[in-house]
Amino acid sequence: MLAFILTNGGGVLLAVLCWLLARRSRSGAFIGALVLLAALILKAVLTHKPAWEAGLFPWSGYLYVQGYWLFAVGGAFFALVAPLLPVPRNRRAIAILAATVLAAGAWDSAWMFGLPEVGEDRHADANHQCRQSTLFTCAPTACVCALSYVGIDTTEREMARLCLTRRAGTTRFNTYRGLVLKLSGTRWRPRMVEIAPEELCRKGSIAVIDEPAVFHAIAVIGTGDGVILHDPLDDGPLHWSPQMLKHAYGGLAIVIEPIP
């Protein structure tokens, strides 16, 4: 509740301040509009480059606002523009648009009140394998498999909650989010990187990757001559050669590594 109030309250406050700025100074409003537009462009780029976003904002607190600040900046931008329009009808329309964007942000951040439980209390077995119980929990289940290699026991349901998994699936950044929260306080950390498949084949490497062609997440463990593949749709691990991995791998990995 408190996180929701602070996050959305901050978005509304930013919009109000931008509206007041535009009413007091047209030159200030122009500069503010440029800053907000640059922020919107940055967020659009980071949406397609989650590894950059994780590197630019490494703080755990950012995980709570990562999905919201696009709405906050968008609402502020429209609130800044509205007072500058000469026609009253247009001002009202843009003001309503600003409020709509902020309302959409509140809807998107409703997870702060708690998400419905999805998945089951499935653990990794002796072979580090865990099978997903739904069609949309591949990412949290792949995390269960990967975490078992560093001695951390968890379940599909717990990781689905930490990864903010919904029936539409799990974003790559939210998969990273779940691993950050689960590994907090341990000697391990997740790192989201764009690396070559040869790095994933390095002996001892542990990573959660996705297969973009089929919108599916898997865990891979480097063996030196390939990877052990943990596909949440299978009952047991498989061995993939570097060529097989290269064919399926999309280029983005969340690597689990010791904290230096």
Protein backbone atom coordinates (compact mmCIF):
# COMPACT_ATOMS: atom_id res chain seq x y z
CA MET A 1 0.00 0.00 0.00
CA LEU A 2 2.69 2.51 1.05
CA ALA A 3 4.82 1.77 -2.05
CA PHE A 4 1.76 2.31 -4.27
CA ILE A 5 0.92 5.62 -2.60
CA LEU A 6 4.49 6.92 -2.76
CA THR A 7 5.04 5.86 -6.36
CA ASN A 8 1.77 7.12 -7.79
CA GLY A 9 1.73 10.15 -5.50
CA GLY A 10 5.14 11.07 -6.88
CA GLY A 11 3.80 10.78 -10.43
CA VAL A 12 0.83 13.03 -9.66
CA LEU A 13 3.08 15.56 -7.88
CA LEU A 14 5.43 15.68 -10.87
CA ALA A 15 2.48 16.33 -13.20
CA VAL A 16 1.15 19.13 -10.97
CA LEU A 17 4.59 20.77 -10.78
CA CYS A 18 4.92 20.62 -14.56
CA TRP A 19 1.46 22.15 -14.99
CA LEU A 20 2.40 25.01 -12.62
CA LEU A 21 5.71 25.52 -14.42
CA ALA A 22 3.96 25.86 -17.78
CA ARG A 23 1.57 28.44 -16.35
CA ARG A 24 4.40 30.54 -14.92
CA SER A 25 7.09 30.35 -17.60
CA ARG A 26 6.84 29.41 -21.26
CA SER A 27 10.61 29.23 -21.61
CA GLY A 28 10.84 27.02 -18.54
CA ALA A 29 8.07 24.85 -19.94
CA PHE A 30 9.98 24.48 -23.21
CA ILE A 31 13.12 23.33 -21.39
CA GLY A 32 11.07 20.99 -19.22
CA ALA A 33 9.37 19.53 -22.28
CA LEU A 34 12.76 18.77 -23.85
CA VAL A 35 13.93 17.05 -20.65
CA LEU A 36 10.76 14.96 -20.41
CA LEU A 37 10.87 14.07 -24.09
CA ALA A 38 14.48 12.91 -23.70
CA ALA A 39 13.40 10.78 -20.71
CA LEU A 40 10.60 9.20 -22.78
CA ILE A 41 13.02 8.39 -25.59
CA LEU A 42 15.49 6.91 -23.08
CA LYS A 43 12.79 4.70 -21.59
CA ALA A 44 11.73 3.54 -25.06
CA VAL A 45 15.33 2.51 -25.79
CA LEU A 46 15.75 0.79 -22.41
CA THR A 47 12.55 -1.21 -22.95
CA HIS A 48 14.33 -2.93 -25.84
CA LYS A 49 17.70 -3.00 -24.05
CA PRO A 50 16.97 -4.32 -20.54
CA ALA A 51 20.64 -5.11 -19.93
CA TRP A 52 21.42 -1.41 -20.34
CA GLU A 53 18.62 -0.52 -17.93
CA ALA A 54 19.90 -2.95 -15.30
CA GLY A 55 23.39 -1.47 -15.68
CA LEU A 56 22.25 2.17 -15.54
CA PHE A 57 20.00 1.67 -12.52
CA PRO A 58 21.58 -1.07 -10.36
CA TRP A 59 19.78 -0.11 -7.13
CA SER A 60 17.25 -2.54 -5.70
CA GLY A 61 14.76 0.27 -5.06
CA TYR A 62 14.60 0.92 -8.79
CA LEU A 63 12.89 -2.45 -9.22
CA TYR A 64 9.72 -0.93 -7.79
CA VAL A 65 9.50 2.01 -10.19
CA GLN A 66 11.01 0.38 -13.30
CA GLY A 67 7.63 -0.24 -14.89
CA TYR A 68 6.01 2.96 -13.62
CA TRP A 69 8.24 5.86 -14.58
CA LEU A 70 7.20 5.76 -18.23
CA PHE A 71 3.67 6.63 -17.08
CA ALA A 72 4.93 9.28 -14.66
CA VAL A 73 7.03 11.01 -17.31
CA GLY A 74 4.30 10.68 -19.93
CA GLY A 75 1.68 12.18 -17.61
CA ALA A 76 4.04 15.01 -16.67
CA PHE A 77 4.77 15.75 -20.33
CA PHE A 78 1.09 16.13 -21.22
CA ALA A 79 0.47 18.16 -18.04
CA LEU A 80 3.26 20.49 -19.12
CA VAL A 81 1.89 20.89 -22.64
CA ALA A 82 -1.77 21.45 -21.70
CA PRO A 83 -1.51 25.05 -20.36
CA LEU A 84 0.47 26.13 -23.44
CA LEU A 85 -2.35 25.40 -25.89
CA PRO A 86 -4.37 28.47 -26.89
CA VAL A 87 -7.71 26.72 -27.46
CA PRO A 88 -9.55 25.78 -24.22
CA ARG A 89 -11.03 22.63 -25.72
CA ASN A 90 -7.56 21.38 -26.66
CA ARG A 91 -6.25 22.21 -23.18
CA ARG A 92 -8.98 20.12 -21.62
CA ALA A 93 -8.34 17.23 -24.00
CA ILE A 94 -4.61 17.12 -23.22
CA ALA A 95 -5.27 17.48 -19.48
CA ILE A 96 -7.63 14.48 -19.69
CA LEU A 97 -4.92 12.60 -21.59
CA ALA A 98 -2.42 13.37 -18.81
CA ALA A 99 -4.86 12.06 -16.20
CA THR A 100 -5.52 8.95 -18.31
CA VAL A 101 -1.80 8.17 -18.56
CA LEU A 102 -1.42 8.50 -14.78
CA ALA A 103 -4.48 6.31 -14.24
CA ALA A 104 -2.94 3.69 -16.54
CA GLY A 105 0.22 3.85 -14.43
CA ALA A 106 -1.82 3.28 -11.28
CA TRP A 107 -3.44 0.26 -12.91
CA ASP A 108 -0.07 -1.12 -14.03
CA SER A 109 1.41 -0.68 -10.54
CA ALA A 110 -1.53 -2.34 -8.78
CA TRP A 111 0.79 -5.31 -8.20
CA MET A 112 2.09 -3.36 -5.21
CA PHE A 113 -1.12 -4.41 -3.43
CA GLY A 114 -0.25 -8.04 -4.22
CA LEU A 115 -0.60 -10.22 -7.30
CA PRO A 116 -2.84 -13.30 -7.51
CA GLU A 117 -0.88 -16.46 -6.73
CA VAL A 118 0.12 -18.32 -9.88
CA GLY A 119 1.96 -21.59 -10.29
CA GLU A 120 2.39 -24.36 -7.78
CA ASP A 121 4.80 -25.13 -4.94
CA ARG A 122 7.09 -27.08 -7.24
CA HIS A 123 10.74 -27.42 -6.26
CA ALA A 124 13.73 -28.48 -8.34
CA ASP A 125 14.40 -32.20 -8.13
CA ALA A 126 17.71 -33.99 -7.60
CA ASN A 127 18.61 -33.26 -11.24
CA HIS A 128 17.87 -29.53 -10.75
CA GLN A 129 14.81 -29.88 -12.98
CA CYS A 130 11.45 -28.23 -12.33
CA ARG A 131 8.48 -28.47 -14.68
CA GLN A 132 6.20 -25.48 -15.10
CA SER A 133 2.58 -25.97 -14.07
CA THR A 134 1.09 -23.34 -16.38
CA LEU A 135 1.65 -22.11 -19.90
CA PHE A 136 2.98 -18.75 -18.69
CA THR A 137 5.35 -19.56 -15.80
CA CYS A 138 8.40 -20.66 -17.78
CA ALA A 139 10.58 -17.76 -16.55
CA PRO A 140 10.05 -18.26 -12.79
CA THR A 141 10.39 -22.03 -13.23
CA ALA A 142 13.66 -21.59 -15.13
CA CYS A 143 14.82 -19.47 -12.18
CA VAL A 144 14.00 -22.36 -9.82
CA CYS A 145 16.27 -24.64 -11.86
CA ALA A 146 19.13 -22.13 -12.03
CA LEU A 147 18.97 -21.24 -8.33
CA SER A 148 19.17 -24.89 -7.31
CA TYR A 149 22.72 -24.95 -8.72
CA VAL A 150 23.83 -22.41 -6.10
CA GLY A 151 22.07 -24.24 -3.27
CA ILE A 152 19.02 -21.98 -3.05
CA ASP A 153 15.72 -23.81 -2.79
CA THR A 154 12.60 -22.03 -4.00
CA THR A 155 9.37 -22.81 -5.81
CA GLU A 156 7.65 -21.91 -9.03
CA ARG A 157 5.00 -20.02 -7.04
CA GLU A 158 7.47 -17.98 -5.02
CA MET A 159 9.51 -17.00 -8.06
CA ALA A 160 6.34 -16.13 -9.99
CA ARG A 161 5.47 -13.69 -7.20
CA LEU A 162 8.96 -12.17 -7.11
CA CYS A 163 9.09 -11.95 -10.92
CA LEU A 164 5.64 -10.29 -11.10
CA THR A 165 4.48 -13.05 -13.42
CA ARG A 166 1.06 -12.54 -14.93
CA ARG A 167 -1.03 -14.57 -17.33
CA ALA A 168 0.66 -12.72 -20.17
CA GLY A 169 4.00 -14.08 -18.94
CA THR A 170 7.09 -12.43 -17.45
CA THR A 171 9.17 -9.62 -18.88
CA ARG A 172 12.91 -10.11 -19.03
CA PHE A 173 13.48 -7.29 -16.56
CA ASN A 174 10.99 -8.79 -14.12
CA THR A 175 12.78 -12.13 -14.38
CA TYR A 176 15.91 -10.25 -13.36
CA ARG A 177 13.91 -8.56 -10.60
CA GLY A 178 12.89 -11.89 -9.10
CA LEU A 179 16.47 -13.14 -9.05
CA VAL A 180 17.72 -9.92 -7.44
CA LEU A 181 15.19 -10.25 -4.64
CA LYS A 182 15.73 -13.97 -4.11
CA LEU A 183 19.53 -13.67 -4.05
CA SER A 184 19.53 -10.66 -1.72
CA GLY A 185 21.67 -11.38 1.32
CA THR A 186 23.49 -14.30 -0.30
CA ARG A 187 26.96 -14.44 -1.80
CA TRP A 188 25.43 -14.59 -5.28
CA ARG A 189 24.05 -11.96 -7.60
CA PRO A 190 22.28 -11.88 -10.97
CA ARG A 191 23.72 -9.84 -13.81
CA MET A 192 21.79 -9.13 -16.98
CA VAL A 193 24.18 -9.02 -19.92
CA GLU A 194 24.37 -9.41 -23.66
CA ILE A 195 27.01 -12.09 -24.10
CA ALA A 196 28.03 -14.60 -26.75
CA PRO A 197 26.79 -18.20 -26.51
CA GLU A 198 30.41 -19.33 -26.06
CA GLU A 199 30.42 -17.57 -22.68
CA LEU A 200 27.34 -19.53 -21.62
CA CYS A 201 29.15 -22.75 -22.50
CA ARG A 202 32.01 -21.92 -20.14
CA LYS A 203 32.20 -24.60 -17.44
CA GLY A 204 30.27 -23.58 -14.33
CA SER A 205 28.32 -20.77 -15.99
CA ILE A 206 24.72 -20.50 -14.70
CA ALA A 207 22.17 -18.42 -16.57
CA VAL A 208 18.52 -17.93 -17.40
CA ILE A 209 18.01 -17.10 -21.07
CA ASP A 210 15.08 -16.88 -23.42
CA GLU A 211 14.30 -18.39 -26.76
CA PRO A 212 12.79 -15.38 -28.55
CA ALA A 213 11.52 -17.45 -31.46
CA VAL A 214 9.08 -19.25 -29.16
CA PHE A 215 8.82 -16.68 -26.30
CA HIS A 216 10.16 -19.20 -23.82
CA ALA A 217 12.62 -19.03 -20.90
CA ILE A 218 15.12 -21.75 -20.04
CA ALA A 219 18.06 -22.29 -17.69
CA VAL A 220 21.48 -23.28 -19.04
CA ILE A 221 24.55 -24.53 -17.17
CA GLY A 222 27.91 -24.44 -18.91
CA THR A 223 29.81 -27.73 -19.20
CA GLY A 224 32.79 -26.60 -21.26
CA ASP A 225 31.66 -28.41 -24.39
CA GLY A 226 28.09 -27.09 -24.40
CA VAL A 227 25.36 -26.57 -21.82
CA ILE A 228 23.02 -28.58 -19.65
CA LEU A 229 19.60 -27.35 -20.67
CA HIS A 230 16.73 -27.11 -18.19
CA ASP A 231 13.57 -26.53 -20.19
CA PRO A 232 10.57 -26.06 -17.84
CA LEU A 233 8.43 -27.94 -20.37
CA ASP A 234 10.56 -31.08 -20.08
CA ASP A 235 10.76 -33.69 -17.34
CA GLY A 236 14.56 -33.78 -17.21
CA PRO A 237 17.71 -31.93 -18.30
CA LEU A 238 19.20 -32.23 -21.78
CA HIS A 239 22.62 -31.54 -23.24
CA TRP A 240 22.95 -28.92 -25.95
CA SER A 241 25.98 -28.42 -28.15
CA PRO A 242 27.26 -24.86 -28.73
CA GLN A 243 25.65 -24.95 -32.18
CA MET A 244 22.23 -25.86 -30.77
CA LEU A 245 22.51 -23.10 -28.17
CA LYS A 246 23.57 -20.53 -30.76
CA HIS A 247 20.54 -21.38 -32.88
CA ALA A 248 18.04 -20.79 -30.04
CA TYR A 249 19.74 -18.10 -27.96
CA GLY A 250 18.51 -14.53 -28.36
CA GLY A 251 21.64 -12.80 -27.05
CA LEU A 252 20.41 -11.69 -23.60
CA ALA A 253 21.25 -13.68 -20.47
CA ILE A 254 20.73 -13.26 -16.74
CA VAL A 255 23.88 -14.78 -15.31
CA ILE A 256 24.07 -15.93 -11.68
CA GLU A 257 27.58 -15.36 -10.37
CA PRO A 258 29.45 -14.99 -7.05
CA ILE A 259 29.67 -11.50 -5.64
CA PRO A 260 33.30 -10.41 -6.10
